[in-house]
Amino acid sequence: MLEHCQRAMEQSMISIKKEDKIQNTVIRSKTKVTDVLTRIDSLKWRWTGHMLRGTQEKWSNIITDWYPREGRRNRGRQSKRWEDELKLTAGPNGEGLLETEYNGNC
């Protein structure tokens, strides 16, 4: 949803209509705007590194690890937690995190 909104804004920045059918890569090269999802991922990894370097008594670490549900969970697809996406990218043991730090993406 964010991608669609960003593309629509970029099209309006350079006065292009959808009917013109110009590729998104061409529009992105003209506007020189960074992708919103890439920016979100990089900020999330920067925050993760910031939290890992801090002490465990900080309120940000306590709040991030806090899991408020007690008892049974609701039916349906469960909402994603912040740590679920980190585990998906870094792997369960953090193998992908080492590669990310080596590339300088943190």
C-alpha atoms as a PDB file:
ATOM      1  CA  MET A   1       0.000   0.000   0.000  1.00  0.00           C
ATOM      2  CA  LEU A   2       2.861   2.360   0.771  1.00  0.00           C
ATOM      3  CA  GLU A   3       4.452   1.512  -2.572  1.00  0.00           C
ATOM      4  CA  HIS A   4       1.323   2.506  -4.475  1.00  0.00           C
ATOM      5  CA  CYS A   5       1.015   5.761  -2.577  1.00  0.00           C
ATOM      6  CA  GLN A   6       4.671   6.599  -3.175  1.00  0.00           C
ATOM      7  CA  ARG A   7       4.391   5.856  -6.898  1.00  0.00           C
ATOM      8  CA  ALA A   8       1.309   8.051  -7.186  1.00  0.00           C
ATOM      9  CA  MET A   9       3.125  10.892  -5.422  1.00  0.00           C
ATOM     10  CA  GLU A  10       6.157  10.519  -7.670  1.00  0.00           C
ATOM     11  CA  GLN A  11       3.931  10.616 -10.751  1.00  0.00           C
ATOM     12  CA  SER A  12       2.323  13.821  -9.549  1.00  0.00           C
ATOM     13  CA  MET A  13       5.753  15.327  -8.784  1.00  0.00           C
ATOM     14  CA  ILE A  14       6.738  15.145 -12.446  1.00  0.00           C
ATOM     15  CA  SER A  15       3.215  15.627 -13.874  1.00  0.00           C
ATOM     16  CA  ILE A  16       2.744  12.162 -15.339  1.00  0.00           C
ATOM     17  CA  LYS A  17      -0.632  10.493 -15.657  1.00  0.00           C
ATOM     18  CA  LYS A  18      -1.235   6.775 -15.284  1.00  0.00           C
ATOM     19  CA  GLU A  19      -2.469   6.686 -18.860  1.00  0.00           C
ATOM     20  CA  ASP A  20       1.044   7.602 -20.058  1.00  0.00           C
ATOM     21  CA  LYS A  21       2.174   4.118 -18.928  1.00  0.00           C
ATOM     22  CA  ILE A  22       5.735   5.093 -18.072  1.00  0.00           C
ATOM     23  CA  GLN A  23       7.701   2.451 -16.168  1.00  0.00           C
ATOM     24  CA  ASN A  24       8.296   2.948 -12.475  1.00  0.00           C
ATOM     25  CA  THR A  25      12.056   2.676 -12.918  1.00  0.00           C
ATOM     26  CA  VAL A  26      12.016   5.647 -15.300  1.00  0.00           C
ATOM     27  CA  ILE A  27       9.912   7.678 -12.892  1.00  0.00           C
ATOM     28  CA  ARG A  28      12.181   6.712  -9.980  1.00  0.00           C
ATOM     29  CA  SER A  29      15.284   7.791 -11.920  1.00  0.00           C
ATOM     30  CA  LYS A  30      13.720  11.193 -12.643  1.00  0.00           C
ATOM     31  CA  THR A  31      12.525  11.892  -9.099  1.00  0.00           C
ATOM     32  CA  LYS A  32      15.583  10.387  -7.332  1.00  0.00           C
ATOM     33  CA  VAL A  33      13.427   9.436  -4.347  1.00  0.00           C
ATOM     34  CA  THR A  34      14.440   6.447  -2.233  1.00  0.00           C
ATOM     35  CA  ASP A  35      12.019   3.559  -1.962  1.00  0.00           C
ATOM     36  CA  VAL A  36       9.880   3.799   1.166  1.00  0.00           C
ATOM     37  CA  LEU A  37      10.072   0.086   2.020  1.00  0.00           C
ATOM     38  CA  THR A  38      13.856   0.056   1.666  1.00  0.00           C
ATOM     39  CA  ARG A  39      14.054   3.091   3.939  1.00  0.00           C
ATOM     40  CA  ILE A  40      11.799   1.453   6.524  1.00  0.00           C
ATOM     41  CA  ASP A  41      13.953  -1.689   6.553  1.00  0.00           C
ATOM     42  CA  SER A  42      17.174   0.273   6.962  1.00  0.00           C
ATOM     43  CA  LEU A  43      15.723   2.323   9.823  1.00  0.00           C
ATOM     44  CA  LYS A  44      14.459  -0.837  11.507  1.00  0.00           C
ATOM     45  CA  TRP A  45      17.931  -2.408  11.329  1.00  0.00           C
ATOM     46  CA  ARG A  46      19.559   0.781  12.617  1.00  0.00           C
ATOM     47  CA  TRP A  47      17.197   0.748  15.591  1.00  0.00           C
ATOM     48  CA  THR A  48      17.982  -2.927  16.198  1.00  0.00           C
ATOM     49  CA  GLY A  49      21.701  -2.183  16.283  1.00  0.00           C
ATOM     50  CA  HIS A  50      21.078   0.737  18.620  1.00  0.00           C
ATOM     51  CA  MET A  51      19.123  -1.477  21.000  1.00  0.00           C
ATOM     52  CA  LEU A  52      21.681  -4.297  20.912  1.00  0.00           C
ATOM     53  CA  ARG A  53      24.461  -1.909  21.869  1.00  0.00           C
ATOM     54  CA  GLY A  54      22.506  -0.552  24.837  1.00  0.00           C
ATOM     55  CA  THR A  55      21.951  -2.022  28.274  1.00  0.00           C
ATOM     56  CA  GLN A  56      19.091  -4.396  29.041  1.00  0.00           C
ATOM     57  CA  GLU A  57      17.631  -2.038  31.656  1.00  0.00           C
ATOM     58  CA  LYS A  58      16.655   0.603  29.099  1.00  0.00           C
ATOM     59  CA  TRP A  59      12.918   1.104  28.676  1.00  0.00           C
ATOM     60  CA  SER A  60      13.167   0.628  24.895  1.00  0.00           C
ATOM     61  CA  ASN A  61      14.537  -2.914  25.331  1.00  0.00           C
ATOM     62  CA  ILE A  62      11.929  -3.759  27.955  1.00  0.00           C
ATOM     63  CA  ILE A  63       9.051  -2.471  25.804  1.00  0.00           C
ATOM     64  CA  THR A  64      10.303  -4.252  22.668  1.00  0.00           C
ATOM     65  CA  ASP A  65      10.515  -7.627  24.396  1.00  0.00           C
ATOM     66  CA  TRP A  66       7.209  -7.152  26.245  1.00  0.00           C
ATOM     67  CA  TYR A  67       4.458  -9.539  25.163  1.00  0.00           C
ATOM     68  CA  PRO A  68       1.144  -8.346  26.663  1.00  0.00           C
ATOM     69  CA  ARG A  69      -1.143 -11.287  25.936  1.00  0.00           C
ATOM     70  CA  GLU A  70      -2.063 -13.655  28.687  1.00  0.00           C
ATOM     71  CA  GLY A  71      -4.151 -16.745  28.171  1.00  0.00           C
ATOM     72  CA  ARG A  72      -5.664 -17.690  24.838  1.00  0.00           C
ATOM     73  CA  ARG A  73      -4.974 -15.932  21.561  1.00  0.00           C
ATOM     74  CA  ASN A  74      -7.671 -14.774  19.156  1.00  0.00           C
ATOM     75  CA  ARG A  75      -8.636 -16.753  16.065  1.00  0.00           C
ATOM     76  CA  GLY A  76      -7.334 -15.947  12.615  1.00  0.00           C
ATOM     77  CA  ARG A  77      -3.974 -14.833  11.330  1.00  0.00           C
ATOM     78  CA  GLN A  78      -1.822 -13.595  14.139  1.00  0.00           C
ATOM     79  CA  SER A  79      -0.388 -10.115  13.916  1.00  0.00           C
ATOM     80  CA  LYS A  80       3.302  -9.893  13.124  1.00  0.00           C
ATOM     81  CA  ARG A  81       5.599  -8.761  15.843  1.00  0.00           C
ATOM     82  CA  TRP A  82       8.670  -6.635  15.339  1.00  0.00           C
ATOM     83  CA  GLU A  83      10.970  -9.516  16.232  1.00  0.00           C
ATOM     84  CA  ASP A  84       9.261 -11.876  13.749  1.00  0.00           C
ATOM     85  CA  GLU A  85      10.477  -9.827  10.793  1.00  0.00           C
ATOM     86  CA  LEU A  86      13.968  -9.589  12.273  1.00  0.00           C
ATOM     87  CA  LYS A  87      14.102 -13.365  12.656  1.00  0.00           C
ATOM     88  CA  LEU A  88      12.878 -13.771   9.087  1.00  0.00           C
ATOM     89  CA  THR A  89      15.685 -11.578   7.741  1.00  0.00           C
ATOM     90  CA  ALA A  90      18.504 -12.529  10.113  1.00  0.00           C
ATOM     91  CA  GLY A  91      17.568 -16.168  10.613  1.00  0.00           C
ATOM     92  CA  PRO A  92      16.781 -17.833  13.939  1.00  0.00           C
ATOM     93  CA  ASN A  93      20.405 -17.737  15.111  1.00  0.00           C
ATOM     94  CA  GLY A  94      21.334 -14.406  13.524  1.00  0.00           C
ATOM     95  CA  GLU A  95      23.443 -15.764  10.645  1.00  0.00           C
ATOM     96  CA  GLY A  96      21.994 -13.201   8.237  1.00  0.00           C
ATOM     97  CA  LEU A  97      22.745 -10.391  10.674  1.00  0.00           C
ATOM     98  CA  LEU A  98      26.470 -10.971  10.318  1.00  0.00           C
ATOM     99  CA  GLU A  99      26.215 -10.721   6.533  1.00  0.00           C
ATOM    100  CA  THR A 100      24.153  -7.537   6.836  1.00  0.00           C
ATOM    101  CA  GLU A 101      26.702  -5.898   9.140  1.00  0.00           C
ATOM    102  CA  TYR A 102      29.523  -6.902   6.799  1.00  0.00           C
ATOM    103  CA  ASN A 103      27.810  -5.215   3.858  1.00  0.00           C
ATOM    104  CA  GLY A 104      27.343  -2.035   5.877  1.00  0.00           C
ATOM    105  CA  ASN A 105      23.548  -2.028   5.705  1.00  0.00           C
ATOM    106  CA  CYS A 106      23.040  -1.580   9.438  1.00  0.00           C
END
